[in-house]
Amino acid sequence: MSLQNPDDDTDNHAQMESPSYRLPAMDQDFLLGDSTRGVRFLLEYAKAEEALRAWGVRSTIVVFGSARIHEDGPPRHAEWYRQARAFGRIASERGGALISTDGMRDNVIATGGGPGLMEAANRGAHDIGAPSIGFNIRLPHEQEPNSYSTPELTFRFHYFAMRKMHLAMRANALVVFPGGFGTLDELFELLTLKQTGKAPPIPVVLFDEDYWRSIVNFERLLEAGTISAKDLGLLQFANDAEAAWKAFALSEVAIPRPFFSPQQKPLPPIL
């Protein structure tokens, strides 16, 4: 640290060039530092929140699934892709995403924004001109957004926790297609929120019952005493896009639940 003599008649170039003189909002070294992690976390909430409100997105249907599944893959993979695309179209067509009522849209398809089955669901909405959301995540090997989510509703997150919060906070339903670690993580995160009453009682639909029962033995959890019988009721299964839609359409939350009105836009409830 150096002290300058106030009687010195030198210019102040060194002071103005010092990192400490930068405006905090313009200082990337400061903004990306350890002490401002909470600020960055808040910014990831606020930026997506502002865009979603501008589009009047009141509720969503969240679709999870593997990024490794391709339209031209093995027959089973190709069928998963086809069904995810069909569900994206059906949900957007019948759920209210196409219709802006008093500035609000309901049951807008929301995915993790990446390739594979996420792409398929966004593509289904795109097929009929409906908006859809892509909540992408910054990864060491960059995951680029698919080309079917609405550009103004395509976001990139650094923090998984904030990405999950945005996926959960407007969800009217969760439809989970086959996937790996990431899909399992997101599925059990939402199931835990439901089990503990931290999220509304929305339907959780697992697509392809054979796949899910071969991956997770839910009944064994009950037998081991680690979940209760009613916890098994948190899950439903479907084997085609129409059945997945029916599981949602017959639920109580198919009627849009209030989030905010055009006149008054309070912050959403704490999850």
C-alpha atoms as a PDB file:
ATOM      1  CA  MET A   1       0.000   0.000   0.000  1.00  0.00           C
ATOM      2  CA  SER A   2       1.372   3.437  -0.930  1.00  0.00           C
ATOM      3  CA  LEU A   3       0.394   6.813   0.430  1.00  0.00           C
ATOM      4  CA  GLN A   4       0.401   9.874  -1.788  1.00  0.00           C
ATOM      5  CA  ASN A   5       1.357  13.287  -0.502  1.00  0.00           C
ATOM      6  CA  PRO A   6      -1.731  15.503  -0.964  1.00  0.00           C
ATOM      7  CA  ASP A   7       0.570  18.443  -1.794  1.00  0.00           C
ATOM      8  CA  ASP A   8       2.085  16.491  -4.675  1.00  0.00           C
ATOM      9  CA  ASP A   9       1.138  18.113  -7.971  1.00  0.00           C
ATOM     10  CA  THR A  10       1.180  14.857  -9.931  1.00  0.00           C
ATOM     11  CA  ASP A  11      -1.622  13.577 -12.152  1.00  0.00           C
ATOM     12  CA  ASN A  12      -4.111  10.990 -10.854  1.00  0.00           C
ATOM     13  CA  HIS A  13      -3.632   8.488 -13.657  1.00  0.00           C
ATOM     14  CA  ALA A  14      -2.443   5.726 -11.324  1.00  0.00           C
ATOM     15  CA  GLN A  15      -5.496   6.142  -9.093  1.00  0.00           C
ATOM     16  CA  MET A  16      -7.926   6.019 -11.994  1.00  0.00           C
ATOM     17  CA  GLU A  17      -6.227   2.924 -13.403  1.00  0.00           C
ATOM     18  CA  SER A  18      -6.396   1.059 -10.113  1.00  0.00           C
ATOM     19  CA  PRO A  19      -8.896  -1.843  -9.985  1.00  0.00           C
ATOM     20  CA  SER A  20     -10.315  -0.398  -6.771  1.00  0.00           C
ATOM     21  CA  TYR A  21     -11.478   2.683  -8.719  1.00  0.00           C
ATOM     22  CA  ARG A  22     -13.693   0.719 -11.110  1.00  0.00           C
ATOM     23  CA  LEU A  23     -17.420   0.931 -10.605  1.00  0.00           C
ATOM     24  CA  PRO A  24     -18.413  -2.356  -8.926  1.00  0.00           C
ATOM     25  CA  ALA A  25     -20.993  -3.140 -11.627  1.00  0.00           C
ATOM     26  CA  MET A  26     -18.309  -2.708 -14.303  1.00  0.00           C
ATOM     27  CA  ASP A  27     -15.566  -4.645 -12.519  1.00  0.00           C
ATOM     28  CA  GLN A  28     -15.556  -8.247 -13.730  1.00  0.00           C
ATOM     29  CA  ASP A  29     -12.716  -9.235 -11.410  1.00  0.00           C
ATOM     30  CA  PHE A  30     -14.844  -8.126  -8.478  1.00  0.00           C
ATOM     31  CA  LEU A  31     -18.138  -9.573  -9.784  1.00  0.00           C
ATOM     32  CA  LEU A  32     -16.542 -12.959 -10.417  1.00  0.00           C
ATOM     33  CA  GLY A  33     -14.787 -13.062  -7.075  1.00  0.00           C
ATOM     34  CA  ASP A  34     -15.559 -15.308  -4.134  1.00  0.00           C
ATOM     35  CA  SER A  35     -17.228 -12.616  -2.006  1.00  0.00           C
ATOM     36  CA  THR A  36     -19.877 -11.853  -4.659  1.00  0.00           C
ATOM     37  CA  ARG A  37     -21.096 -15.428  -5.187  1.00  0.00           C
ATOM     38  CA  GLY A  38     -24.416 -14.521  -3.555  1.00  0.00           C
ATOM     39  CA  VAL A  39     -24.820 -11.585  -5.937  1.00  0.00           C
ATOM     40  CA  ARG A  40     -24.231 -13.837  -8.941  1.00  0.00           C
ATOM     41  CA  PHE A  41     -26.746 -16.307  -7.565  1.00  0.00           C
ATOM     42  CA  LEU A  42     -29.327 -13.514  -7.275  1.00  0.00           C
ATOM     43  CA  LEU A  43     -28.582 -12.323 -10.818  1.00  0.00           C
ATOM     44  CA  GLU A  44     -29.267 -15.805 -12.203  1.00  0.00           C
ATOM     45  CA  TYR A  45     -32.661 -15.721 -10.508  1.00  0.00           C
ATOM     46  CA  ALA A  46     -33.526 -12.171 -11.553  1.00  0.00           C
ATOM     47  CA  LYS A  47     -32.543 -12.301 -15.223  1.00  0.00           C
ATOM     48  CA  ALA A  48     -34.621 -15.377 -16.085  1.00  0.00           C
ATOM     49  CA  GLU A  49     -37.466 -14.189 -13.854  1.00  0.00           C
ATOM     50  CA  GLU A  50     -37.694 -10.882 -15.673  1.00  0.00           C
ATOM     51  CA  ALA A  51     -37.846 -12.545 -19.099  1.00  0.00           C
ATOM     52  CA  LEU A  52     -40.450 -15.123 -18.006  1.00  0.00           C
ATOM     53  CA  ARG A  53     -42.683 -12.416 -16.579  1.00  0.00           C
ATOM     54  CA  ALA A  54     -42.318 -10.307 -19.720  1.00  0.00           C
ATOM     55  CA  TRP A  55     -43.645 -13.285 -21.699  1.00  0.00           C
ATOM     56  CA  GLY A  56     -46.428 -13.849 -19.166  1.00  0.00           C
ATOM     57  CA  VAL A  57     -45.348 -17.416 -18.425  1.00  0.00           C
ATOM     58  CA  ARG A  58     -47.607 -18.307 -15.498  1.00  0.00           C
ATOM     59  CA  SER A  59     -47.061 -22.070 -15.430  1.00  0.00           C
ATOM     60  CA  THR A  60     -44.989 -24.722 -17.154  1.00  0.00           C
ATOM     61  CA  ILE A  61     -44.869 -28.425 -17.878  1.00  0.00           C
ATOM     62  CA  VAL A  62     -41.316 -29.554 -17.247  1.00  0.00           C
ATOM     63  CA  VAL A  63     -39.847 -32.310 -19.411  1.00  0.00           C
ATOM     64  CA  PHE A  64     -36.638 -34.069 -18.391  1.00  0.00           C
ATOM     65  CA  GLY A  65     -34.748 -36.725 -20.335  1.00  0.00           C
ATOM     66  CA  SER A  66     -31.385 -37.828 -21.643  1.00  0.00           C
ATOM     67  CA  ALA A  67     -29.255 -35.570 -23.820  1.00  0.00           C
ATOM     68  CA  ARG A  68     -27.790 -38.694 -25.481  1.00  0.00           C
ATOM     69  CA  ILE A  69     -30.934 -39.829 -27.301  1.00  0.00           C
ATOM     70  CA  HIS A  70     -31.196 -39.004 -30.995  1.00  0.00           C
ATOM     71  CA  GLU A  71     -33.985 -39.038 -33.542  1.00  0.00           C
ATOM     72  CA  ASP A  72     -31.985 -41.363 -35.783  1.00  0.00           C
ATOM     73  CA  GLY A  73     -30.679 -43.594 -32.974  1.00  0.00           C
ATOM     74  CA  PRO A  74     -31.576 -47.232 -32.196  1.00  0.00           C
ATOM     75  CA  PRO A  75     -35.308 -48.051 -32.480  1.00  0.00           C
ATOM     76  CA  ARG A  76     -36.025 -47.630 -28.755  1.00  0.00           C
ATOM     77  CA  HIS A  77     -34.192 -44.305 -28.652  1.00  0.00           C
ATOM     78  CA  ALA A  78     -35.927 -43.086 -31.791  1.00  0.00           C
ATOM     79  CA  GLU A  79     -39.304 -43.952 -30.247  1.00  0.00           C
ATOM     80  CA  TRP A  80     -38.508 -42.056 -27.051  1.00  0.00           C
ATOM     81  CA  TYR A  81     -37.555 -39.048 -29.174  1.00  0.00           C
ATOM     82  CA  ARG A  82     -40.744 -39.313 -31.215  1.00  0.00           C
ATOM     83  CA  GLN A  83     -42.921 -39.542 -28.120  1.00  0.00           C
ATOM     84  CA  ALA A  84     -41.167 -36.624 -26.389  1.00  0.00           C
ATOM     85  CA  ARG A  85     -41.713 -34.513 -29.491  1.00  0.00           C
ATOM     86  CA  ALA A  86     -45.357 -35.592 -29.642  1.00  0.00           C
ATOM     87  CA  PHE A  87     -45.854 -34.731 -25.984  1.00  0.00           C
ATOM     88  CA  GLY A  88     -44.345 -31.277 -26.480  1.00  0.00           C
ATOM     89  CA  ARG A  89     -46.806 -30.640 -29.296  1.00  0.00           C
ATOM     90  CA  ILE A  90     -49.850 -32.048 -27.460  1.00  0.00           C
ATOM     91  CA  ALA A  91     -49.143 -30.183 -24.221  1.00  0.00           C
ATOM     92  CA  SER A  92     -48.530 -26.899 -26.043  1.00  0.00           C
ATOM     93  CA  GLU A  93     -51.612 -27.296 -28.213  1.00  0.00           C
ATOM     94  CA  ARG A  94     -54.009 -28.235 -25.401  1.00  0.00           C
ATOM     95  CA  GLY A  95     -52.454 -26.686 -22.319  1.00  0.00           C
ATOM     96  CA  GLY A  96     -52.640 -22.980 -23.036  1.00  0.00           C
ATOM     97  CA  ALA A  97     -49.121 -22.102 -24.229  1.00  0.00           C
ATOM     98  CA  LEU A  98     -50.491 -20.874 -27.552  1.00  0.00           C
ATOM     99  CA  ILE A  99     -53.128 -18.706 -25.940  1.00  0.00           C
ATOM    100  CA  SER A 100     -52.268 -15.513 -24.120  1.00  0.00           C
ATOM    101  CA  THR A 101     -55.204 -14.862 -21.763  1.00  0.00           C
ATOM    102  CA  ASP A 102     -54.945 -11.466 -20.095  1.00  0.00           C
ATOM    103  CA  GLY A 103     -51.268 -11.546 -20.953  1.00  0.00           C
ATOM    104  CA  MET A 104     -50.713 -14.965 -19.350  1.00  0.00           C
ATOM    105  CA  ARG A 105     -49.604 -18.288 -20.836  1.00  0.00           C
ATOM    106  CA  ASP A 106     -50.029 -21.610 -19.065  1.00  0.00           C
ATOM    107  CA  ASN A 107     -48.363 -25.018 -19.288  1.00  0.00           C
ATOM    108  CA  VAL A 108     -45.469 -23.803 -21.416  1.00  0.00           C
ATOM    109  CA  ILE A 109     -42.997 -26.601 -22.139  1.00  0.00           C
ATOM    110  CA  ALA A 110     -39.775 -26.134 -20.150  1.00  0.00           C
ATOM    111  CA  THR A 111     -36.687 -28.315 -20.535  1.00  0.00           C
ATOM    112  CA  GLY A 112     -33.019 -28.294 -19.637  1.00  0.00           C
ATOM    113  CA  GLY A 113     -32.457 -26.674 -23.016  1.00  0.00           C
ATOM    114  CA  GLY A 114     -29.966 -29.197 -24.368  1.00  0.00           C
ATOM    115  CA  PRO A 115     -30.028 -31.882 -27.063  1.00  0.00           C
ATOM    116  CA  GLY A 116     -31.681 -35.309 -27.052  1.00  0.00           C
ATOM    117  CA  LEU A 117     -35.061 -35.674 -25.393  1.00  0.00           C
ATOM    118  CA  MET A 118     -34.960 -32.070 -24.203  1.00  0.00           C
ATOM    119  CA  GLU A 119     -34.639 -31.002 -27.822  1.00  0.00           C
ATOM    120  CA  ALA A 120     -37.529 -33.281 -28.780  1.00  0.00           C
ATOM    121  CA  ALA A 121     -39.934 -31.663 -26.298  1.00  0.00           C
ATOM    122  CA  ASN A 122     -38.938 -28.143 -27.343  1.00  0.00           C
ATOM    123  CA  ARG A 123     -39.282 -29.223 -30.957  1.00  0.00           C
ATOM    124  CA  GLY A 124     -42.834 -30.440 -30.401  1.00  0.00           C
ATOM    125  CA  ALA A 125     -43.815 -26.993 -29.133  1.00  0.00           C
ATOM    126  CA  HIS A 126     -41.948 -25.362 -32.013  1.00  0.00           C
ATOM    127  CA  ASP A 127     -43.821 -27.537 -34.517  1.00  0.00           C
ATOM    128  CA  ILE A 128     -47.067 -25.689 -33.765  1.00  0.00           C
ATOM    129  CA  GLY A 129     -45.567 -22.250 -33.198  1.00  0.00           C
ATOM    130  CA  ALA A 130     -45.826 -22.339 -29.387  1.00  0.00           C
ATOM    131  CA  PRO A 131     -43.175 -20.807 -27.135  1.00  0.00           C
ATOM    132  CA  SER A 132     -41.026 -23.105 -25.027  1.00  0.00           C
ATOM    133  CA  ILE A 133     -38.302 -22.601 -22.468  1.00  0.00           C
ATOM    134  CA  GLY A 134     -34.738 -23.877 -22.348  1.00  0.00           C
ATOM    135  CA  PHE A 135     -32.933 -23.694 -18.997  1.00  0.00           C
ATOM    136  CA  ASN A 136     -29.411 -24.502 -20.155  1.00  0.00           C
ATOM    137  CA  ILE A 137     -26.416 -25.049 -17.883  1.00  0.00           C
ATOM    138  CA  ARG A 138     -22.780 -24.077 -18.271  1.00  0.00           C
ATOM    139  CA  LEU A 139     -20.654 -27.247 -18.205  1.00  0.00           C
ATOM    140  CA  PRO A 140     -16.926 -27.982 -18.588  1.00  0.00           C
ATOM    141  CA  HIS A 141     -17.763 -29.434 -22.008  1.00  0.00           C
ATOM    142  CA  GLU A 142     -20.110 -26.724 -23.194  1.00  0.00           C
ATOM    143  CA  GLN A 143     -23.711 -27.807 -23.724  1.00  0.00           C
ATOM    144  CA  GLU A 144     -25.155 -25.672 -26.479  1.00  0.00           C
ATOM    145  CA  PRO A 145     -28.875 -24.899 -26.537  1.00  0.00           C
ATOM    146  CA  ASN A 146     -30.996 -26.820 -28.991  1.00  0.00           C
ATOM    147  CA  SER A 147     -32.412 -24.847 -31.904  1.00  0.00           C
ATOM    148  CA  TYR A 148     -36.102 -25.250 -30.970  1.00  0.00           C
ATOM    149  CA  SER A 149     -36.535 -23.402 -27.664  1.00  0.00           C
ATOM    150  CA  THR A 150     -37.771 -19.827 -28.001  1.00  0.00           C
ATOM    151  CA  PRO A 151     -34.643 -17.628 -28.230  1.00  0.00           C
ATOM    152  CA  GLU A 152     -35.976 -15.052 -25.754  1.00  0.00           C
ATOM    153  CA  LEU A 153     -36.779 -17.882 -23.333  1.00  0.00           C
ATOM    154  CA  THR A 154     -33.441 -19.672 -23.647  1.00  0.00           C
ATOM    155  CA  PHE A 155     -31.251 -19.129 -20.609  1.00  0.00           C
ATOM    156  CA  ARG A 156     -27.818 -20.213 -19.430  1.00  0.00           C
ATOM    157  CA  PHE A 157     -27.035 -20.902 -15.777  1.00  0.00           C
ATOM    158  CA  HIS A 158     -23.823 -21.495 -13.898  1.00  0.00           C
ATOM    159  CA  TYR A 159     -25.491 -22.757 -10.700  1.00  0.00           C
ATOM    160  CA  PHE A 160     -27.425 -26.010 -10.851  1.00  0.00           C
ATOM    161  CA  ALA A 161     -29.410 -24.951  -7.771  1.00  0.00           C
ATOM    162  CA  MET A 162     -30.825 -21.828  -9.410  1.00  0.00           C
ATOM    163  CA  ARG A 163     -31.542 -23.695 -12.620  1.00  0.00           C
ATOM    164  CA  LYS A 164     -33.495 -26.290 -10.618  1.00  0.00           C
ATOM    165  CA  MET A 165     -35.402 -23.560  -8.815  1.00  0.00           C
ATOM    166  CA  HIS A 166     -36.559 -22.035 -12.089  1.00  0.00           C
ATOM    167  CA  LEU A 167     -37.502 -25.482 -13.388  1.00  0.00           C
ATOM    168  CA  ALA A 168     -39.577 -26.156 -10.278  1.00  0.00           C
ATOM    169  CA  MET A 169     -41.201 -22.876  -9.337  1.00  0.00           C
ATOM    170  CA  ARG A 170     -43.786 -22.619 -12.129  1.00  0.00           C
ATOM    171  CA  ALA A 171     -44.220 -26.331 -12.821  1.00  0.00           C
ATOM    172  CA  ASN A 172     -47.760 -27.673 -13.151  1.00  0.00           C
ATOM    173  CA  ALA A 173     -46.417 -31.136 -13.997  1.00  0.00           C
ATOM    174  CA  LEU A 174     -43.199 -33.054 -14.471  1.00  0.00           C
ATOM    175  CA  VAL A 175     -42.837 -35.570 -17.302  1.00  0.00           C
ATOM    176  CA  VAL A 176     -39.635 -37.582 -17.052  1.00  0.00           C
ATOM    177  CA  PHE A 177     -38.383 -39.472 -20.081  1.00  0.00           C
ATOM    178  CA  PRO A 178     -35.564 -42.018 -19.796  1.00  0.00           C
ATOM    179  CA  GLY A 179     -32.281 -40.514 -18.725  1.00  0.00           C
ATOM    180  CA  GLY A 180     -29.104 -40.909 -16.728  1.00  0.00           C
ATOM    181  CA  PHE A 181     -27.534 -39.223 -13.706  1.00  0.00           C
ATOM    182  CA  GLY A 182     -28.785 -35.729 -14.537  1.00  0.00           C
ATOM    183  CA  THR A 183     -32.346 -36.898 -15.123  1.00  0.00           C
ATOM    184  CA  LEU A 184     -32.315 -38.974 -11.935  1.00  0.00           C
ATOM    185  CA  ASP A 185     -30.969 -36.010  -9.982  1.00  0.00           C
ATOM    186  CA  GLU A 186     -33.725 -33.722 -11.232  1.00  0.00           C
ATOM    187  CA  LEU A 187     -36.428 -36.355 -10.720  1.00  0.00           C
ATOM    188  CA  PHE A 188     -35.504 -37.041  -7.096  1.00  0.00           C
ATOM    189  CA  GLU A 189     -35.071 -33.340  -6.374  1.00  0.00           C
ATOM    190  CA  LEU A 190     -38.694 -32.720  -7.409  1.00  0.00           C
ATOM    191  CA  LEU A 191     -39.948 -35.836  -5.640  1.00  0.00           C
ATOM    192  CA  THR A 192     -38.263 -34.662  -2.437  1.00  0.00           C
ATOM    193  CA  LEU A 193     -39.876 -31.232  -2.741  1.00  0.00           C
ATOM    194  CA  LYS A 194     -43.261 -32.906  -3.152  1.00  0.00           C
ATOM    195  CA  GLN A 195     -42.678 -35.415  -0.344  1.00  0.00           C
ATOM    196  CA  THR A 196     -41.712 -32.672   2.094  1.00  0.00           C
ATOM    197  CA  GLY A 197     -44.464 -30.275   1.070  1.00  0.00           C
ATOM    198  CA  LYS A 198     -42.025 -27.710  -0.310  1.00  0.00           C
ATOM    199  CA  ALA A 199     -43.682 -27.870  -3.726  1.00  0.00           C
ATOM    200  CA  PRO A 200     -47.347 -28.103  -4.771  1.00  0.00           C
ATOM    201  CA  PRO A 201     -48.812 -31.595  -5.334  1.00  0.00           C
ATOM    202  CA  ILE A 202     -48.162 -31.705  -9.063  1.00  0.00           C
ATOM    203  CA  PRO A 203     -48.265 -34.930 -11.105  1.00  0.00           C
ATOM    204  CA  VAL A 204     -44.944 -36.630 -11.821  1.00  0.00           C
ATOM    205  CA  VAL A 205     -45.202 -38.904 -14.865  1.00  0.00           C
ATOM    206  CA  LEU A 206     -42.422 -41.352 -15.729  1.00  0.00           C
ATOM    207  CA  PHE A 207     -42.350 -42.256 -19.403  1.00  0.00           C
ATOM    208  CA  ASP A 208     -41.699 -45.908 -20.365  1.00  0.00           C
ATOM    209  CA  GLU A 209     -42.620 -47.908 -17.285  1.00  0.00           C
ATOM    210  CA  ASP A 210     -40.363 -50.831 -18.201  1.00  0.00           C
ATOM    211  CA  TYR A 211     -37.335 -48.550 -18.310  1.00  0.00           C
ATOM    212  CA  TRP A 212     -38.010 -46.877 -14.982  1.00  0.00           C
ATOM    213  CA  ARG A 213     -38.886 -50.070 -13.114  1.00  0.00           C
ATOM    214  CA  SER A 214     -35.678 -51.652 -14.387  1.00  0.00           C
ATOM    215  CA  ILE A 215     -33.634 -48.647 -13.231  1.00  0.00           C
ATOM    216  CA  VAL A 216     -35.235 -47.911  -9.838  1.00  0.00           C
ATOM    217  CA  ASN A 217     -36.962 -50.468  -7.621  1.00  0.00           C
ATOM    218  CA  PHE A 218     -39.399 -48.077  -5.958  1.00  0.00           C
ATOM    219  CA  GLU A 219     -41.216 -50.898  -4.153  1.00  0.00           C
ATOM    220  CA  ARG A 220     -37.934 -52.041  -2.595  1.00  0.00           C
ATOM    221  CA  LEU A 221     -37.608 -48.625  -0.953  1.00  0.00           C
ATOM    222  CA  LEU A 222     -40.991 -49.218   0.648  1.00  0.00           C
ATOM    223  CA  GLU A 223     -40.050 -52.729   1.751  1.00  0.00           C
ATOM    224  CA  ALA A 224     -36.875 -51.370   3.324  1.00  0.00           C
ATOM    225  CA  GLY A 225     -38.896 -48.818   5.260  1.00  0.00           C
ATOM    226  CA  THR A 226     -37.117 -45.821   3.727  1.00  0.00           C
ATOM    227  CA  ILE A 227     -40.288 -44.348   2.172  1.00  0.00           C
ATOM    228  CA  SER A 228     -43.960 -44.632   3.081  1.00  0.00           C
ATOM    229  CA  ALA A 229     -46.749 -46.217   1.061  1.00  0.00           C
ATOM    230  CA  LYS A 230     -48.174 -42.826   0.179  1.00  0.00           C
ATOM    231  CA  ASP A 231     -44.817 -41.800  -1.319  1.00  0.00           C
ATOM    232  CA  LEU A 232     -45.331 -44.368  -4.080  1.00  0.00           C
ATOM    233  CA  GLY A 233     -48.432 -42.389  -4.997  1.00  0.00           C
ATOM    234  CA  LEU A 234     -46.232 -39.468  -5.997  1.00  0.00           C
ATOM    235  CA  LEU A 235     -45.448 -41.296  -9.245  1.00  0.00           C
ATOM    236  CA  GLN A 236     -47.436 -42.249 -12.333  1.00  0.00           C
ATOM    237  CA  PHE A 237     -46.315 -44.092 -15.457  1.00  0.00           C
ATOM    238  CA  ALA A 238     -47.121 -43.602 -19.133  1.00  0.00           C
ATOM    239  CA  ASN A 239     -46.030 -45.379 -22.296  1.00  0.00           C
ATOM    240  CA  ASP A 240     -47.117 -42.903 -24.948  1.00  0.00           C
ATOM    241  CA  ALA A 241     -47.548 -39.156 -25.299  1.00  0.00           C
ATOM    242  CA  GLU A 242     -51.344 -39.261 -25.079  1.00  0.00           C
ATOM    243  CA  ALA A 243     -51.223 -41.235 -21.825  1.00  0.00           C
ATOM    244  CA  ALA A 244     -48.720 -38.765 -20.375  1.00  0.00           C
ATOM    245  CA  TRP A 245     -51.026 -35.875 -21.298  1.00  0.00           C
ATOM    246  CA  LYS A 246     -54.052 -37.682 -19.867  1.00  0.00           C
ATOM    247  CA  ALA A 247     -52.249 -38.161 -16.536  1.00  0.00           C
ATOM    248  CA  PHE A 248     -51.846 -34.402 -16.360  1.00  0.00           C
ATOM    249  CA  ALA A 249     -55.214 -33.421 -17.825  1.00  0.00           C
ATOM    250  CA  LEU A 250     -57.053 -35.465 -15.184  1.00  0.00           C
ATOM    251  CA  SER A 251     -55.127 -33.841 -12.334  1.00  0.00           C
ATOM    252  CA  GLU A 252     -56.366 -30.936 -10.256  1.00  0.00           C
ATOM    253  CA  VAL A 253     -53.537 -28.660 -11.368  1.00  0.00           C
ATOM    254  CA  ALA A 254     -54.547 -28.904 -15.026  1.00  0.00           C
ATOM    255  CA  ILE A 255     -56.616 -25.838 -14.174  1.00  0.00           C
ATOM    256  CA  PRO A 256     -54.034 -23.023 -14.165  1.00  0.00           C
ATOM    257  CA  ARG A 257     -53.067 -22.127 -10.630  1.00  0.00           C
ATOM    258  CA  PRO A 258     -52.673 -18.385  -9.997  1.00  0.00           C
ATOM    259  CA  PHE A 259     -49.156 -17.051 -10.142  1.00  0.00           C
ATOM    260  CA  PHE A 260     -49.516 -13.358 -10.805  1.00  0.00           C
ATOM    261  CA  SER A 261     -51.902 -11.024 -12.610  1.00  0.00           C
ATOM    262  CA  PRO A 262     -50.984  -8.338 -15.147  1.00  0.00           C
ATOM    263  CA  GLN A 263     -51.934  -5.699 -12.580  1.00  0.00           C
ATOM    264  CA  GLN A 264     -50.047  -7.138  -9.630  1.00  0.00           C
ATOM    265  CA  LYS A 265     -46.921  -9.244  -9.954  1.00  0.00           C
ATOM    266  CA  PRO A 266     -45.752 -10.439  -6.530  1.00  0.00           C
ATOM    267  CA  LEU A 267     -42.740 -12.665  -6.153  1.00  0.00           C
ATOM    268  CA  PRO A 268     -43.552 -16.394  -6.315  1.00  0.00           C
ATOM    269  CA  PRO A 269     -43.903 -18.365  -3.086  1.00  0.00           C
ATOM    270  CA  ILE A 270     -40.802 -19.850  -1.516  1.00  0.00           C
ATOM    271  CA  LEU A 271     -40.349 -23.443  -2.622  1.00  0.00           C
END
